[in-house]
PDB file of N, CA and C in Angstrom:
ATOM      1  N   UNK A   1     -38.155   6.964  80.407  1.00  0.00           N
ATOM      2  CA  UNK A   1     -37.584   7.488  79.195  1.00  0.00           C
ATOM      3  C   UNK A   1     -38.481   7.141  78.008  1.00  0.00           C
ATOM      4  N   UNK A   2     -38.387   7.971  77.010  1.00  0.00           N
ATOM      5  CA  UNK A   2     -39.193   7.789  75.803  1.00  0.00           C
ATOM      6  C   UNK A   2     -38.285   7.758  74.587  1.00  0.00           C
ATOM      7  N   UNK A   3     -38.761   7.102  73.546  1.00  0.00           N
ATOM      8  CA  UNK A   3     -38.029   7.024  72.290  1.00  0.00           C
ATOM      9  C   UNK A   3     -38.814   7.789  71.235  1.00  0.00           C
ATOM     10  N   UNK A   4     -38.121   8.581  70.424  1.00  0.00           N
ATOM     11  CA  UNK A   4     -38.762   9.374  69.377  1.00  0.00           C
ATOM     12  C   UNK A   4     -39.060   8.453  68.186  1.00  0.00           C
ATOM     13  N   UNK A   5     -40.337   8.455  67.746  1.00  0.00           N
ATOM     14  CA  UNK A   5     -40.725   7.621  66.611  1.00  0.00           C
ATOM     15  C   UNK A   5     -40.999   8.453  65.360  1.00  0.00           C
ATOM     16  N   UNK A   6     -41.195   9.755  65.523  1.00  0.00           N
ATOM     17  CA  UNK A   6     -41.364  10.684  64.402  1.00  0.00           C
ATOM     18  C   UNK A   6     -40.619  11.961  64.759  1.00  0.00           C
ATOM     19  N   UNK A   7     -39.754  12.433  63.850  1.00  0.00           N
ATOM     20  CA  UNK A   7     -38.945  13.604  64.186  1.00  0.00           C
ATOM     21  C   UNK A   7     -39.823  14.830  64.405  1.00  0.00           C
ATOM     22  N   UNK A   8     -39.358  15.685  65.308  1.00  0.00           N
ATOM     23  CA  UNK A   8     -40.091  16.906  65.621  1.00  0.00           C
ATOM     24  C   UNK A   8     -39.184  17.882  66.342  1.00  0.00           C
ATOM     25  N   UNK A   9     -39.623  19.128  66.373  1.00  0.00           N
ATOM     26  CA  UNK A   9     -38.969  20.155  67.176  1.00  0.00           C
ATOM     27  C   UNK A   9     -39.887  20.456  68.337  1.00  0.00           C
ATOM     28  N   UNK A  10     -39.373  20.316  69.545  1.00  0.00           N
ATOM     29  CA  UNK A  10     -40.178  20.588  70.731  1.00  0.00           C
ATOM     30  C   UNK A  10     -40.235  22.098  70.922  1.00  0.00           C
ATOM     31  N   UNK A  11     -41.408  22.657  70.754  1.00  0.00           N
ATOM     32  CA  UNK A  11     -41.559  24.108  70.852  1.00  0.00           C
ATOM     33  C   UNK A  11     -41.410  24.618  72.273  1.00  0.00           C
ATOM     34  N   UNK A  12     -41.449  23.728  73.244  1.00  0.00           N
ATOM     35  CA  UNK A  12     -41.305  24.164  74.635  1.00  0.00           C
ATOM     36  C   UNK A  12     -39.854  24.224  75.091  1.00  0.00           C
ATOM     37  N   UNK A  13     -39.021  23.288  74.615  1.00  0.00           N
ATOM     38  CA  UNK A  13     -37.614  23.340  75.042  1.00  0.00           C
ATOM     39  C   UNK A  13     -36.668  23.685  73.897  1.00  0.00           C
ATOM     40  N   UNK A  14     -37.211  23.853  72.676  1.00  0.00           N
ATOM     41  CA  UNK A  14     -36.400  24.237  71.535  1.00  0.00           C
ATOM     42  C   UNK A  14     -35.532  23.120  70.981  1.00  0.00           C
ATOM     43  N   UNK A  15     -35.675  21.922  71.541  1.00  0.00           N
ATOM     44  CA  UNK A  15     -34.855  20.798  71.088  1.00  0.00           C
ATOM     45  C   UNK A  15     -35.389  20.183  69.807  1.00  0.00           C
ATOM     46  N   UNK A  16     -34.471  19.739  68.960  1.00  0.00           N
ATOM     47  CA  UNK A  16     -34.854  19.025  67.739  1.00  0.00           C
ATOM     48  C   UNK A  16     -34.589  17.553  67.990  1.00  0.00           C
ATOM     49  N   UNK A  17     -35.573  16.741  67.700  1.00  0.00           N
ATOM     50  CA  UNK A  17     -35.476  15.317  67.960  1.00  0.00           C
ATOM     51  C   UNK A  17     -35.658  14.540  66.669  1.00  0.00           C
ATOM     52  N   UNK A  18     -34.743  13.628  66.425  1.00  0.00           N
ATOM     53  CA  UNK A  18     -34.791  12.757  65.254  1.00  0.00           C
ATOM     54  C   UNK A  18     -35.302  11.387  65.682  1.00  0.00           C
ATOM     55  N   UNK A  19     -35.818  10.645  64.717  1.00  0.00           N
ATOM     56  CA  UNK A  19     -36.312   9.303  64.987  1.00  0.00           C
ATOM     57  C   UNK A  19     -35.193   8.481  65.639  1.00  0.00           C
ATOM     58  N   UNK A  20     -35.521   7.808  66.739  1.00  0.00           N
ATOM     59  CA  UNK A  20     -34.549   6.992  67.461  1.00  0.00           C
ATOM     60  C   UNK A  20     -33.906   7.698  68.642  1.00  0.00           C
ATOM     61  N   UNK A  21     -34.057   9.036  68.719  1.00  0.00           N
ATOM     62  CA  UNK A  21     -33.492   9.781  69.846  1.00  0.00           C
ATOM     63  C   UNK A  21     -34.234   9.437  71.126  1.00  0.00           C
ATOM     64  N   UNK A  22     -33.599   9.735  72.248  1.00  0.00           N
ATOM     65  CA  UNK A  22     -34.234   9.594  73.550  1.00  0.00           C
ATOM     66  C   UNK A  22     -34.855  10.935  73.922  1.00  0.00           C
ATOM     67  N   UNK A  23     -36.083  10.889  74.444  1.00  0.00           N
ATOM     68  CA  UNK A  23     -36.778  12.102  74.873  1.00  0.00           C
ATOM     69  C   UNK A  23     -37.101  11.960  76.339  1.00  0.00           C
ATOM     70  N   UNK A  24     -36.899  12.992  77.132  1.00  0.00           N
ATOM     71  CA  UNK A  24     -36.295  14.284  76.830  1.00  0.00           C
ATOM     72  C   UNK A  24     -34.777  14.196  76.870  1.00  0.00           C
ATOM     73  N   UNK A  25     -34.152  15.282  76.412  1.00  0.00           N
ATOM     74  CA  UNK A  25     -32.692  15.364  76.461  1.00  0.00           C
ATOM     75  C   UNK A  25     -32.246  15.348  77.914  1.00  0.00           C
ATOM     76  N   UNK A  26     -31.003  14.932  78.162  1.00  0.00           N
ATOM     77  CA  UNK A  26     -30.486  14.954  79.538  1.00  0.00           C
ATOM     78  C   UNK A  26     -30.565  16.365  80.124  1.00  0.00           C
ATOM     79  N   UNK A  27     -31.010  16.449  81.359  1.00  0.00           N
ATOM     80  CA  UNK A  27     -31.109  17.731  82.049  1.00  0.00           C
ATOM     81  C   UNK A  27     -32.418  18.460  81.838  1.00  0.00           C
ATOM     82  N   UNK A  28     -33.304  17.917  80.993  1.00  0.00           N
ATOM     83  CA  UNK A  28     -34.595  18.564  80.731  1.00  0.00           C
ATOM     84  C   UNK A  28     -35.683  17.778  81.453  1.00  0.00           C
ATOM     85  N   UNK A  29     -36.497  18.480  82.216  1.00  0.00           N
ATOM     86  CA  UNK A  29     -37.622  17.857  82.910  1.00  0.00           C
ATOM     87  C   UNK A  29     -38.894  18.188  82.156  1.00  0.00           C
ATOM     88  N   UNK A  30     -39.711  17.172  81.907  1.00  0.00           N
ATOM     89  CA  UNK A  30     -40.942  17.343  81.133  1.00  0.00           C
ATOM     90  C   UNK A  30     -42.121  16.890  81.988  1.00  0.00           C
ATOM     91  N   UNK A  31     -43.163  17.736  82.106  1.00  0.00           N
ATOM     92  CA  UNK A  31     -44.331  17.340  82.890  1.00  0.00           C
ATOM     93  C   UNK A  31     -45.063  16.155  82.253  1.00  0.00           C
ATOM     94  N   UNK A  32     -45.736  15.372  83.081  1.00  0.00           N
ATOM     95  CA  UNK A  32     -46.471  14.188  82.626  1.00  0.00           C
ATOM     96  C   UNK A  32     -47.478  14.542  81.533  1.00  0.00           C
ATOM     97  N   UNK A  33     -48.152  15.681  81.652  1.00  0.00           N
ATOM     98  CA  UNK A  33     -49.152  16.075  80.639  1.00  0.00           C
ATOM     99  C   UNK A  33     -48.508  16.295  79.267  1.00  0.00           C
ATOM    100  N   UNK A  34     -47.264  16.794  79.254  1.00  0.00           N
ATOM    101  CA  UNK A  34     -46.551  16.988  77.985  1.00  0.00           C
ATOM    102  C   UNK A  34     -46.172  15.642  77.369  1.00  0.00           C
ATOM    103  N   UNK A  35     -45.758  14.696  78.203  1.00  0.00           N
ATOM    104  CA  UNK A  35     -45.428  13.362  77.717  1.00  0.00           C
ATOM    105  C   UNK A  35     -46.668  12.701  77.093  1.00  0.00           C
ATOM    106  N   UNK A  36     -47.820  12.883  77.740  1.00  0.00           N
ATOM    107  CA  UNK A  36     -49.071  12.336  77.202  1.00  0.00           C
ATOM    108  C   UNK A  36     -49.428  12.995  75.875  1.00  0.00           C
ATOM    109  N   UNK A  37     -49.210  14.291  75.785  1.00  0.00           N
ATOM    110  CA  UNK A  37     -49.492  15.040  74.554  1.00  0.00           C
ATOM    111  C   UNK A  37     -48.632  14.537  73.394  1.00  0.00           C
ATOM    112  N   UNK A  38     -47.337  14.376  73.647  1.00  0.00           N
ATOM    113  CA  UNK A  38     -46.426  13.947  72.583  1.00  0.00           C
ATOM    114  C   UNK A  38     -46.570  12.465  72.234  1.00  0.00           C
ATOM    115  N   UNK A  39     -47.037  11.660  73.175  1.00  0.00           N
ATOM    116  CA  UNK A  39     -47.197  10.236  72.892  1.00  0.00           C
ATOM    117  C   UNK A  39     -48.572   9.913  72.318  1.00  0.00           C
ATOM    118  N   UNK A  40     -49.446  10.891  72.276  1.00  0.00           N
ATOM    119  CA  UNK A  40     -50.774  10.704  71.699  1.00  0.00           C
ATOM    120  C   UNK A  40     -50.941  11.530  70.430  1.00  0.00           C
ATOM    121  N   UNK A  41     -52.184  11.740  70.050  1.00  0.00           N
ATOM    122  CA  UNK A  41     -52.478  12.499  68.820  1.00  0.00           C
ATOM    123  C   UNK A  41     -52.900  13.936  69.119  1.00  0.00           C
ATOM    124  N   UNK A  42     -52.880  14.325  70.388  1.00  0.00           N
ATOM    125  CA  UNK A  42     -53.316  15.657  70.785  1.00  0.00           C
ATOM    126  C   UNK A  42     -52.126  16.622  70.805  1.00  0.00           C
ATOM    127  N   UNK A  43     -51.493  16.783  69.639  1.00  0.00           N
ATOM    128  CA  UNK A  43     -50.373  17.714  69.490  1.00  0.00           C
ATOM    129  C   UNK A  43     -50.499  18.356  68.107  1.00  0.00           C
ATOM    130  N   UNK A  44     -49.646  19.314  67.797  1.00  0.00           N
ATOM    131  CA  UNK A  44     -49.764  20.036  66.516  1.00  0.00           C
ATOM    132  C   UNK A  44     -49.658  19.136  65.296  1.00  0.00           C
ATOM    133  N   UNK A  45     -48.861  18.075  65.377  1.00  0.00           N
ATOM    134  CA  UNK A  45     -48.698  17.155  64.249  1.00  0.00           C
ATOM    135  C   UNK A  45     -49.878  16.200  64.117  1.00  0.00           C
ATOM    136  N   UNK A  46     -50.579  15.940  65.217  1.00  0.00           N
ATOM    137  CA  UNK A  46     -51.736  15.046  65.181  1.00  0.00           C
ATOM    138  C   UNK A  46     -51.383  13.570  65.120  1.00  0.00           C
ATOM    139  N   UNK A  47     -50.119  13.232  65.402  1.00  0.00           N
ATOM    140  CA  UNK A  47     -49.669  11.846  65.412  1.00  0.00           C
ATOM    141  C   UNK A  47     -48.782  11.629  66.632  1.00  0.00           C
ATOM    142  N   UNK A  48     -48.664  10.391  67.107  1.00  0.00           N
ATOM    143  CA  UNK A  48     -47.736  10.136  68.219  1.00  0.00           C
ATOM    144  C   UNK A  48     -46.295  10.422  67.774  1.00  0.00           C
ATOM    145  N   UNK A  49     -45.551  11.099  68.623  1.00  0.00           N
ATOM    146  CA  UNK A  49     -44.175  11.458  68.317  1.00  0.00           C
ATOM    147  C   UNK A  49     -43.174  10.677  69.152  1.00  0.00           C
ATOM    148  N   UNK A  50     -43.613  10.176  70.316  1.00  0.00           N
ATOM    149  CA  UNK A  50     -42.736   9.427  71.203  1.00  0.00           C
ATOM    150  C   UNK A  50     -43.487   8.209  71.742  1.00  0.00           C
ATOM    151  N   UNK A  51     -42.733   7.200  72.142  1.00  0.00           N
ATOM    152  CA  UNK A  51     -43.294   6.029  72.827  1.00  0.00           C
ATOM    153  C   UNK A  51     -42.430   5.747  74.044  1.00  0.00           C
ATOM    154  N   UNK A  52     -43.054   5.203  75.069  1.00  0.00           N
ATOM    155  CA  UNK A  52     -42.307   4.880  76.278  1.00  0.00           C
ATOM    156  C   UNK A  52     -41.378   3.714  76.006  1.00  0.00           C
ATOM    157  N   UNK A  53     -40.127   3.853  76.419  1.00  0.00           N
ATOM    158  CA  UNK A  53     -39.148   2.788  76.224  1.00  0.00           C
ATOM    159  C   UNK A  53     -39.340   1.750  77.305  1.00  0.00           C
ATOM    160  N   UNK A  54     -39.300   0.514  76.893  1.00  0.00           N
ATOM    161  CA  UNK A  54     -39.403  -0.585  77.839  1.00  0.00           C
ATOM    162  C   UNK A  54     -37.999  -0.905  78.330  1.00  0.00           C
ATOM    163  N   UNK A  55     -37.851  -0.962  79.637  1.00  0.00           N
ATOM    164  CA  UNK A  55     -36.559  -1.325  80.193  1.00  0.00           C
ATOM    165  C   UNK A  55     -36.669  -2.734  80.745  1.00  0.00           C
ATOM    166  N   UNK A  56     -35.655  -3.498  80.521  1.00  0.00           N
ATOM    167  CA  UNK A  56     -35.641  -4.872  80.973  1.00  0.00           C
ATOM    168  C   UNK A  56     -34.818  -4.991  82.238  1.00  0.00           C
ATOM    169  N   UNK A  57     -35.262  -5.889  83.094  1.00  0.00           N
ATOM    170  CA  UNK A  57     -34.516  -6.177  84.303  1.00  0.00           C
ATOM    171  C   UNK A  57     -33.216  -6.851  83.880  1.00  0.00           C
ATOM    172  N   UNK A  58     -32.108  -6.324  84.307  1.00  0.00           N
ATOM    173  CA  UNK A  58     -30.828  -6.863  83.893  1.00  0.00           C
ATOM    174  C   UNK A  58     -30.296  -7.908  84.857  1.00  0.00           C
ATOM    175  N   UNK A  59     -31.203  -8.541  85.609  1.00  0.00           N
ATOM    176  CA  UNK A  59     -30.786  -9.609  86.508  1.00  0.00           C
ATOM    177  C   UNK A  59     -30.252 -10.769  85.684  1.00  0.00           C
ATOM    178  N   UNK A  60     -29.279 -11.471  86.204  1.00  0.00           N
ATOM    179  CA  UNK A  60     -28.763 -12.604  85.439  1.00  0.00           C
ATOM    180  C   UNK A  60     -29.845 -13.661  85.246  1.00  0.00           C
ATOM    181  N   UNK A  61     -29.870 -14.223  84.076  1.00  0.00           N
ATOM    182  CA  UNK A  61     -30.834 -15.266  83.761  1.00  0.00           C
ATOM    183  C   UNK A  61     -30.259 -16.583  84.261  1.00  0.00           C
ATOM    184  N   UNK A  62     -31.066 -17.349  85.015  1.00  0.00           N
ATOM    185  CA  UNK A  62     -30.530 -18.619  85.496  1.00  0.00           C
ATOM    186  C   UNK A  62     -30.187 -19.531  84.323  1.00  0.00           C
ATOM    187  N   UNK A  63     -29.072 -20.247  84.483  1.00  0.00           N
ATOM    188  CA  UNK A  63     -28.653 -21.138  83.406  1.00  0.00           C
ATOM    189  C   UNK A  63     -29.599 -22.316  83.306  1.00  0.00           C
ATOM    190  N   UNK A  64     -29.870 -22.704  82.068  1.00  0.00           N
ATOM    191  CA  UNK A  64     -30.764 -23.812  81.805  1.00  0.00           C
ATOM    192  C   UNK A  64     -29.960 -25.108  81.898  1.00  0.00           C
ATOM    193  N   UNK A  65     -30.576 -26.097  82.525  1.00  0.00           N
ATOM    194  CA  UNK A  65     -29.904 -27.393  82.595  1.00  0.00           C
ATOM    195  C   UNK A  65     -29.852 -28.001  81.214  1.00  0.00           C
ATOM    196  N   UNK A  66     -28.726 -28.605  80.914  1.00  0.00           N
ATOM    197  CA  UNK A  66     -28.580 -29.225  79.606  1.00  0.00           C
ATOM    198  C   UNK A  66     -29.415 -30.495  79.539  1.00  0.00           C
ATOM    199  N   UNK A  67     -30.098 -30.648  78.421  1.00  0.00           N
ATOM    200  CA  UNK A  67     -30.878 -31.855  78.215  1.00  0.00           C
ATOM    201  C   UNK A  67     -29.961 -32.906  77.606  1.00  0.00           C
ATOM    202  N   UNK A  68     -30.223 -34.177  77.897  1.00  0.00           N
ATOM    203  CA  UNK A  68     -29.369 -35.204  77.305  1.00  0.00           C
ATOM    204  C   UNK A  68     -29.468 -35.184  75.790  1.00  0.00           C
ATOM    205  N   UNK A  69     -28.340 -35.410  75.144  1.00  0.00           N
ATOM    206  CA  UNK A  69     -28.306 -35.403  73.683  1.00  0.00           C
ATOM    207  C   UNK A  69     -29.096 -36.588  73.143  1.00  0.00           C
ATOM    208  N   UNK A  70     -29.864 -36.343  72.105  1.00  0.00           N
ATOM    209  CA  UNK A  70     -30.637 -37.387  71.462  1.00  0.00           C
ATOM    210  C   UNK A  70     -30.007 -37.660  70.109  1.00  0.00           C
ATOM    211  N   UNK A  71     -29.720 -38.924  69.859  1.00  0.00           N
ATOM    212  CA  UNK A  71     -29.107 -39.291  68.587  1.00  0.00           C
ATOM    213  C   UNK A  71     -30.182 -39.298  67.510  1.00  0.00           C
ATOM    214  N   UNK A  72     -29.930 -38.559  66.439  1.00  0.00           N
ATOM    215  CA  UNK A  72     -30.885 -38.493  65.345  1.00  0.00           C
ATOM    216  C   UNK A  72     -30.522 -39.548  64.315  1.00  0.00           C
ATOM    217  N   UNK A  73     -31.519 -40.252  63.819  1.00  0.00           N
ATOM    218  CA  UNK A  73     -31.292 -41.267  62.800  1.00  0.00           C
ATOM    219  C   UNK A  73     -32.204 -41.006  61.637  1.00  0.00           C
ATOM    220  N   UNK A  74     -31.767 -41.450  60.460  1.00  0.00           N
ATOM    221  CA  UNK A  74     -32.606 -41.333  59.281  1.00  0.00           C
ATOM    222  C   UNK A  74     -33.383 -42.618  59.109  1.00  0.00           C
ATOM    223  N   UNK A  75     -34.589 -42.469  58.643  1.00  0.00           N
ATOM    224  CA  UNK A  75     -35.385 -43.655  58.356  1.00  0.00           C
ATOM    225  C   UNK A  75     -34.818 -44.303  57.091  1.00  0.00           C
ATOM    226  N   UNK A  76     -34.847 -45.612  57.061  1.00  0.00           N
ATOM    227  CA  UNK A  76     -34.353 -46.334  55.881  1.00  0.00           C
ATOM    228  C   UNK A  76     -35.255 -46.041  54.695  1.00  0.00           C
ATOM    229  N   UNK A  77     -34.630 -45.792  53.560  1.00  0.00           N
ATOM    230  CA  UNK A  77     -35.409 -45.528  52.369  1.00  0.00           C
ATOM    231  C   UNK A  77     -36.030 -46.820  51.872  1.00  0.00           C
ATOM    232  N   UNK A  78     -37.265 -46.709  51.413  1.00  0.00           N
ATOM    233  CA  UNK A  78     -37.957 -47.883  50.881  1.00  0.00           C
ATOM    234  C   UNK A  78     -37.575 -48.078  49.432  1.00  0.00           C
ATOM    235  N   UNK A  79     -37.421 -49.346  49.021  1.00  0.00           N
ATOM    236  CA  UNK A  79     -37.056 -49.660  47.621  1.00  0.00           C
ATOM    237  C   UNK A  79     -38.244 -49.553  46.710  1.00  0.00           C
TER     238      UNK A  79
END
């Protein structure tokens, strides 16, 4: 999946995309060469329009062992 970083109208599928939208719309298949075109500067606007979204593994994160509490003290003020 890709995220739209600059709004545009896709002349191939007629879709209008606003910044923050997901590209492509559900049900639309886009060839790899088109994704490269829109994510680079080789398009009519001359700027990247989409970036690949990073997906994170949603595996549970192992719990961290608690470290023993350390008592904080203030240094005595000098007279």
